[in-house]
Amino acid sequence: MALLVVLGIAAFRIWLVETAIVDGHSMVPTLQPDDRVLVLKPAKVERFSVVVMTDPEEGGIVIKRVVGLPGDSVALIPRALLGDQSQGGFGAQLFVNRLPYREPYAQSIGRGAFPPQTVPEGHYFVLGDNRDDSVDSRCYGPVPKDLIQGVGVAVVYPFGRAGLLGLSAEPLPGPSGENSS
């Protein structure tokens, strides 16, 4: 009986759920160094999901946010070029399929702009929430689907930071005040 319990727990961990430890500052403010994140392995990857993946260059485990799905056009345009002074003209505005998105979790002062590019089939475009301190798809390109290990759904430790990881981005309102989507 004990062997069945151990095998059940092992199977649960191998195929369904695990925890990942945040290493670094690329997902600040959403995730802090040493946060423990609950990861669902079979979960569907959606735009703005937080994912645990294998780094395509280094081979280690990293956590990033998916901003582009297969077939999407993704761009980061400097706010200064857009005449956007909402953050002092600093940082860059995310566009997905030519729609600007409000990303309350994202931090950026300077670097990181890139022209529109289409995400190939079987790949995802990922960015760190801390755009000034993240090595992500801006550096290594779209990530193959097979490098995605699962979707982060909650911070489970430290207990004071415990909570669900939401998909908190939304299209910015268009000129008429309605959503552009």
Protein backbone atom coordinates (compact mmCIF):
# COMPACT_ATOMS: atom_id res chain seq x y z
CA MET A 1 0.00 0.00 0.00
CA ALA A 2 2.82 2.42 0.87
CA LEU A 3 4.42 1.72 -2.49
CA LEU A 4 1.17 2.66 -4.27
CA VAL A 5 1.02 5.94 -2.34
CA VAL A 6 4.63 6.76 -3.23
CA LEU A 7 4.03 5.86 -6.89
CA GLY A 8 0.85 7.96 -6.91
CA ILE A 9 2.67 10.97 -5.49
CA ALA A 10 5.53 10.50 -7.96
CA ALA A 11 3.11 10.27 -10.90
CA PHE A 12 1.23 13.35 -9.66
CA ARG A 13 4.49 15.30 -9.49
CA ILE A 14 5.88 14.04 -12.81
CA TRP A 15 2.77 14.64 -14.93
CA LEU A 16 0.51 17.09 -13.16
CA VAL A 17 2.01 19.57 -10.71
CA GLU A 18 5.29 20.78 -9.28
CA THR A 19 6.75 23.87 -7.67
CA ALA A 20 9.40 26.16 -9.11
CA ILE A 21 11.64 28.53 -7.19
CA VAL A 22 12.11 32.01 -8.65
CA ASP A 23 15.78 32.77 -9.28
CA GLY A 24 16.52 36.35 -10.28
CA HIS A 25 14.63 39.59 -10.81
CA SER A 26 13.21 39.22 -14.34
CA MET A 27 9.61 38.77 -13.12
CA VAL A 28 9.58 41.54 -10.47
CA PRO A 29 7.08 42.87 -9.34
CA THR A 30 4.88 39.82 -10.05
CA LEU A 31 7.38 37.35 -8.61
CA GLN A 32 10.21 37.99 -6.18
CA PRO A 33 13.46 36.03 -5.84
CA ASP A 34 12.90 32.82 -3.83
CA ASP A 35 9.10 32.81 -4.33
CA ARG A 36 7.74 29.28 -4.73
CA VAL A 37 5.34 28.99 -7.66
CA LEU A 38 2.79 26.20 -8.13
CA VAL A 39 3.06 24.93 -11.71
CA LEU A 40 0.37 22.94 -13.54
CA LYS A 41 2.01 20.89 -16.24
CA PRO A 42 -0.99 20.02 -18.41
CA ALA A 43 -2.50 23.56 -18.24
CA LYS A 44 -3.23 25.35 -21.51
CA VAL A 45 -0.80 28.17 -22.31
CA GLU A 46 -2.73 31.37 -22.95
CA ARG A 47 -1.62 34.89 -23.80
CA PHE A 48 -0.26 36.50 -20.61
CA SER A 49 0.16 33.16 -18.79
CA VAL A 50 3.19 32.92 -16.53
CA VAL A 51 5.13 29.85 -17.66
CA VAL A 52 7.98 27.75 -16.36
CA MET A 53 10.27 26.79 -19.21
CA THR A 54 13.70 25.57 -20.14
CA ASP A 55 15.97 28.48 -21.08
CA PRO A 56 16.75 27.96 -24.78
CA GLU A 57 20.32 29.24 -24.37
CA GLU A 58 21.42 28.25 -20.87
CA GLY A 59 19.31 25.11 -20.39
CA GLY A 60 18.21 26.01 -16.84
CA ILE A 61 14.67 26.62 -15.61
CA VAL A 62 13.26 30.15 -16.00
CA ILE A 63 9.89 31.81 -15.47
CA LYS A 64 8.50 34.27 -18.03
CA ARG A 65 5.18 35.66 -19.28
CA VAL A 66 3.76 34.62 -22.65
CA VAL A 67 2.83 37.74 -24.63
CA GLY A 68 2.58 36.16 -28.08
CA LEU A 69 0.87 32.96 -29.20
CA PRO A 70 1.57 31.14 -32.48
CA GLY A 71 0.55 33.40 -35.38
CA ASP A 72 0.45 36.61 -33.28
CA SER A 73 2.26 39.77 -34.34
CA VAL A 74 4.16 41.17 -31.34
CA ALA A 75 5.99 44.51 -30.95
CA LEU A 76 7.32 46.80 -28.23
CA ILE A 77 7.30 50.45 -29.33
CA PRO A 78 9.11 53.12 -27.25
CA ARG A 79 6.53 55.31 -25.50
CA ALA A 80 8.49 58.41 -26.48
CA LEU A 81 7.87 57.58 -30.18
CA LEU A 82 4.16 57.18 -29.46
CA GLY A 83 3.95 60.54 -27.68
CA ASP A 84 2.83 58.64 -24.56
CA GLN A 85 3.86 60.61 -21.48
CA SER A 86 1.87 58.41 -19.04
CA GLN A 87 5.11 57.09 -17.54
CA GLY A 88 7.25 60.09 -18.40
CA GLY A 89 7.70 58.69 -21.92
CA PHE A 90 9.89 55.89 -20.51
CA GLY A 91 9.70 52.24 -21.41
CA ALA A 92 7.87 50.62 -24.29
CA GLN A 93 4.26 49.84 -25.15
CA LEU A 94 3.34 46.22 -25.94
CA PHE A 95 1.33 45.67 -29.11
CA VAL A 96 -0.21 42.29 -29.93
CA ASN A 97 -1.85 42.00 -33.34
CA ARG A 98 -1.55 45.82 -33.61
CA LEU A 99 -3.54 46.39 -30.41
CA PRO A 100 -1.83 48.20 -27.50
CA TYR A 101 -2.11 46.38 -24.18
CA ARG A 102 -2.19 47.73 -20.64
CA GLU A 103 0.22 45.62 -18.58
CA PRO A 104 0.01 46.72 -14.94
CA TYR A 105 2.58 44.09 -13.96
CA ALA A 106 5.29 45.27 -16.41
CA GLN A 107 8.21 47.49 -15.43
CA SER A 108 10.46 49.25 -17.92
CA ILE A 109 12.47 52.43 -18.02
CA GLY A 110 14.45 52.04 -21.18
CA ARG A 111 15.61 49.12 -23.26
CA GLY A 112 13.68 46.45 -24.97
CA ALA A 113 11.85 47.88 -27.96
CA PHE A 114 11.55 45.71 -31.06
CA PRO A 115 9.66 45.99 -34.36
CA PRO A 116 6.62 43.82 -35.14
CA GLN A 117 7.40 40.16 -35.64
CA THR A 118 5.16 37.17 -36.18
CA VAL A 119 5.38 34.26 -33.75
CA PRO A 120 5.89 31.03 -35.74
CA GLU A 121 3.61 28.03 -35.33
CA GLY A 122 4.62 25.84 -32.39
CA HIS A 123 6.32 28.75 -30.60
CA TYR A 124 5.57 31.41 -27.96
CA PHE A 125 6.97 34.91 -27.45
CA VAL A 126 7.91 35.40 -23.80
CA LEU A 127 8.99 38.46 -21.81
CA GLY A 128 9.96 39.06 -18.21
CA ASP A 129 7.74 41.50 -16.33
CA ASN A 130 10.87 43.45 -15.36
CA ARG A 131 11.69 44.36 -18.96
CA ASP A 132 14.95 46.12 -18.06
CA ASP A 133 16.37 43.04 -16.28
CA SER A 134 15.18 40.08 -18.35
CA VAL A 135 16.74 37.82 -20.93
CA ASP A 136 13.77 36.62 -22.95
CA SER A 137 12.42 36.33 -26.51
CA ARG A 138 13.91 39.73 -27.34
CA CYS A 139 17.29 38.00 -27.00
CA TYR A 140 16.70 34.38 -28.05
CA GLY A 141 13.59 34.68 -30.19
CA PRO A 142 10.29 32.82 -29.91
CA VAL A 143 10.41 29.74 -27.67
CA PRO A 144 9.48 26.30 -29.03
CA LYS A 145 6.40 24.81 -27.39
CA ASP A 146 8.34 21.77 -26.18
CA LEU A 147 10.46 24.00 -23.88
CA ILE A 148 7.36 25.07 -21.92
CA GLN A 149 7.09 22.85 -18.84
CA GLY A 150 3.90 24.23 -17.34
CA VAL A 151 1.83 27.23 -16.34
CA GLY A 152 2.46 29.03 -13.05
CA VAL A 153 -0.87 29.45 -11.29
CA ALA A 154 -0.04 30.66 -7.78
CA VAL A 155 2.66 31.80 -5.39
CA VAL A 156 2.57 29.28 -2.53
CA TYR A 157 5.50 30.55 -0.46
CA PRO A 158 6.33 32.79 1.32
CA PHE A 159 2.87 32.69 2.85
CA GLY A 160 2.64 36.49 3.03
CA ARG A 161 2.86 36.63 -0.78
CA ALA A 162 0.64 33.60 -1.45
CA GLY A 163 -2.00 34.12 -4.11
CA LEU A 164 -3.11 33.36 -7.65
CA LEU A 165 -1.20 34.59 -10.68
CA GLY A 166 -3.80 36.28 -12.89
CA LEU A 167 -3.87 37.23 -16.55
CA SER A 168 -4.08 40.94 -15.83
CA ALA A 169 -3.35 42.52 -19.24
CA GLU A 170 -6.08 44.02 -21.36
CA PRO A 171 -6.34 46.01 -24.59
CA LEU A 172 -6.17 49.76 -24.13
CA PRO A 173 -9.30 51.69 -25.06
CA GLY A 174 -9.47 52.96 -28.62
CA PRO A 175 -10.08 56.57 -29.65
CA SER A 176 -13.84 56.21 -29.07
CA GLY A 177 -13.30 55.03 -25.51
CA GLU A 178 -14.21 51.45 -26.37
CA ASN A 179 -11.79 48.54 -26.41
CA SER A 180 -9.96 48.18 -29.69
CA SER A 181 -10.54 44.44 -29.85
